[in-house]
C-alpha atoms as a PDB file:
ATOM      1  CA  MET A   1     135.315 150.843  99.336  1.00  0.00           C
ATOM      2  CA  LEU A   2     139.059 150.312  99.192  1.00  0.00           C
ATOM      3  CA  LEU A   3     141.155 151.110  96.583  1.00  0.00           C
ATOM      4  CA  TYR A   4     144.860 149.134  96.272  1.00  0.00           C
ATOM      5  CA  ALA A   5     147.828 150.375  94.682  1.00  0.00           C
ATOM      6  CA  GLU A   6     150.941 148.295  94.641  1.00  0.00           C
ATOM      7  CA  ILE A   7     153.914 150.458  93.449  1.00  0.00           C
ATOM      8  CA  GLU A   8     157.630 149.541  92.823  1.00  0.00           C
ATOM      9  CA  PHE A   9     160.561 151.894  92.608  1.00  0.00           C
ATOM     10  CA  ILE A  10     164.236 151.826  91.486  1.00  0.00           C
ATOM     11  CA  LEU A  11     166.303 153.906  93.419  1.00  0.00           C
ATOM     12  CA  TYR A  12     169.500 154.858  91.459  1.00  0.00           C
ATOM     13  CA  ASP A  13     171.721 156.214  93.738  1.00  0.00           C
ATOM     14  CA  CYS A  14     170.781 154.361  96.645  1.00  0.00           C
ATOM     15  CA  HIS A  15     174.369 152.043  97.499  1.00  0.00           C
ATOM     16  CA  SER A  16     173.216 150.286 100.719  1.00  0.00           C
ATOM     17  CA  LEU A  17     170.186 148.772 102.732  1.00  0.00           C
ATOM     18  CA  LYS A  18     171.159 151.559 105.130  1.00  0.00           C
ATOM     19  CA  GLU A  19     170.459 154.387 102.447  1.00  0.00           C
ATOM     20  CA  LYS A  20     167.791 152.711 100.766  1.00  0.00           C
ATOM     21  CA  ARG A  21     165.231 152.086 104.524  1.00  0.00           C
ATOM     22  CA  SER A  22     166.210 156.069 105.018  1.00  0.00           C
ATOM     23  CA  ILE A  23     164.805 156.922 101.655  1.00  0.00           C
ATOM     24  CA  LEU A  24     162.004 155.366 102.424  1.00  0.00           C
ATOM     25  CA  LEU A  25     161.215 155.560 105.581  1.00  0.00           C
ATOM     26  CA  ARG A  26     161.516 159.818 104.718  1.00  0.00           C
ATOM     27  CA  LEU A  27     159.010 158.845 101.780  1.00  0.00           C
ATOM     28  CA  LYS A  28     156.513 157.051 104.358  1.00  0.00           C
ATOM     29  CA  ASN A  29     156.158 159.398 106.826  1.00  0.00           C
ATOM     30  CA  ARG A  30     155.712 161.682 104.109  1.00  0.00           C
ATOM     31  CA  LEU A  31     152.512 160.055 102.864  1.00  0.00           C
ATOM     32  CA  ASN A  32     151.334 159.612 106.735  1.00  0.00           C
ATOM     33  CA  LYS A  33     151.574 162.754 107.544  1.00  0.00           C
ATOM     34  CA  ASN A  34     150.203 164.382 104.410  1.00  0.00           C
ATOM     35  CA  LEU A  35     147.374 161.828 103.203  1.00  0.00           C
ATOM     36  CA  ASN A  36     144.663 159.555 105.268  1.00  0.00           C
ATOM     37  CA  LEU A  37     146.111 155.847 104.142  1.00  0.00           C
ATOM     38  CA  ALA A  38     148.055 152.530 105.232  1.00  0.00           C
ATOM     39  CA  ILE A  39     150.880 151.723 103.351  1.00  0.00           C
ATOM     40  CA  ALA A  40     153.740 148.876 103.630  1.00  0.00           C
ATOM     41  CA  GLU A  41     156.921 147.613 102.537  1.00  0.00           C
ATOM     42  CA  ILE A  42     156.680 144.450 100.745  1.00  0.00           C
ATOM     43  CA  ASP A  43     158.523 142.737  97.941  1.00  0.00           C
ATOM     44  CA  HIS A  44     162.551 143.693  97.728  1.00  0.00           C
ATOM     45  CA  GLN A  45     162.951 144.193 101.109  1.00  0.00           C
ATOM     46  CA  ASN A  46     166.639 142.885 100.854  1.00  0.00           C
ATOM     47  CA  GLN A  47     167.731 144.460  97.998  1.00  0.00           C
ATOM     48  CA  TRP A  48     169.211 147.755  98.246  1.00  0.00           C
ATOM     49  CA  GLN A  49     168.430 149.407  94.786  1.00  0.00           C
ATOM     50  CA  ARG A  50     164.349 148.004  93.912  1.00  0.00           C
ATOM     51  CA  ALA A  51     161.331 148.340  96.833  1.00  0.00           C
ATOM     52  CA  ALA A  52     158.082 147.630  96.690  1.00  0.00           C
ATOM     53  CA  PHE A  53     154.892 149.597  98.552  1.00  0.00           C
ATOM     54  CA  ALA A  54     150.971 148.718  98.848  1.00  0.00           C
ATOM     55  CA  ILE A  55     149.062 151.242  99.704  1.00  0.00           C
ATOM     56  CA  VAL A  56     145.472 151.567 100.640  1.00  0.00           C
ATOM     57  CA  THR A  57     142.520 153.794 101.347  1.00  0.00           C
ATOM     58  CA  VAL A  58     139.185 153.582 102.583  1.00  0.00           C
ATOM     59  CA  SER A  59     136.301 156.000 102.089  1.00  0.00           C
ATOM     60  CA  ASP A  60     132.187 155.096 101.483  1.00  0.00           C
ATOM     61  CA  ALA A  61     133.343 157.478  97.775  1.00  0.00           C
ATOM     62  CA  LYS A  62     135.293 156.148  94.992  1.00  0.00           C
ATOM     63  CA  VAL A  63     136.301 159.426  93.799  1.00  0.00           C
ATOM     64  CA  ILE A  64     137.986 160.692  97.231  1.00  0.00           C
ATOM     65  CA  ASN A  65     139.922 157.106  97.140  1.00  0.00           C
ATOM     66  CA  GLU A  66     141.204 158.337  93.265  1.00  0.00           C
ATOM     67  CA  LYS A  67     141.977 161.764  94.203  1.00  0.00           C
ATOM     68  CA  VAL A  68     144.006 159.700  97.152  1.00  0.00           C
ATOM     69  CA  ILE A  69     146.068 157.494  95.182  1.00  0.00           C
ATOM     70  CA  GLN A  70     146.573 160.061  92.851  1.00  0.00           C
ATOM     71  CA  GLN A  71     147.841 162.688  95.629  1.00  0.00           C
ATOM     72  CA  ALA A  72     150.349 159.742  96.834  1.00  0.00           C
ATOM     73  CA  LEU A  73     151.226 158.772  93.609  1.00  0.00           C
ATOM     74  CA  ALA A  74     152.683 162.500  93.046  1.00  0.00           C
ATOM     75  CA  LEU A  75     154.340 162.669  96.577  1.00  0.00           C
ATOM     76  CA  MET A  76     156.049 159.503  95.725  1.00  0.00           C
ATOM     77  CA  ASP A  77     156.889 161.352  92.314  1.00  0.00           C
ATOM     78  CA  SER A  78     158.221 164.271  94.076  1.00  0.00           C
ATOM     79  CA  PHE A  79     161.238 162.451  95.435  1.00  0.00           C
ATOM     80  CA  PRO A  80     164.253 162.872  92.957  1.00  0.00           C
ATOM     81  CA  GLU A  81     166.021 159.652  94.597  1.00  0.00           C
ATOM     82  CA  ILE A  82     163.263 157.686  94.102  1.00  0.00           C
ATOM     83  CA  GLU A  83     161.464 156.374  89.647  1.00  0.00           C
ATOM     84  CA  ARG A  84     158.664 154.696  89.879  1.00  0.00           C
ATOM     85  CA  THR A  85     158.644 151.572  87.685  1.00  0.00           C
ATOM     86  CA  THR A  86     154.943 149.982  88.490  1.00  0.00           C
ATOM     87  CA  THR A  87     152.087 150.777  89.922  1.00  0.00           C
ATOM     88  CA  ASP A  88     148.516 148.697  89.764  1.00  0.00           C
ATOM     89  CA  VAL A  89     145.581 150.309  91.178  1.00  0.00           C
ATOM     90  CA  GLU A  90     142.490 148.470  92.017  1.00  0.00           C
ATOM     91  CA  GLU A  91     139.223 148.189  93.936  1.00  0.00           C
ATOM     92  CA  ARG A  92     138.709 146.083  97.005  1.00  0.00           C
END
């Protein structure tokens, strides 16, 4: 079973693409280190105050996938530099 999530962010205190990419790199590294998932930036690459990630987790149990996605969202929410604006989660 595969669970897919698209998450959009606003980075309020970000003033350049370099600063944005630094913040997103820290977030991606923390997600990869702590959770078993795939992550990619999928939109707004050239806008310095917006970002969108896709995360995917695969497991034989829906409960495990949902737990991993919820942990990822909680970790994202712990970053003070970003605010999650939309989150869409679906099974595939």
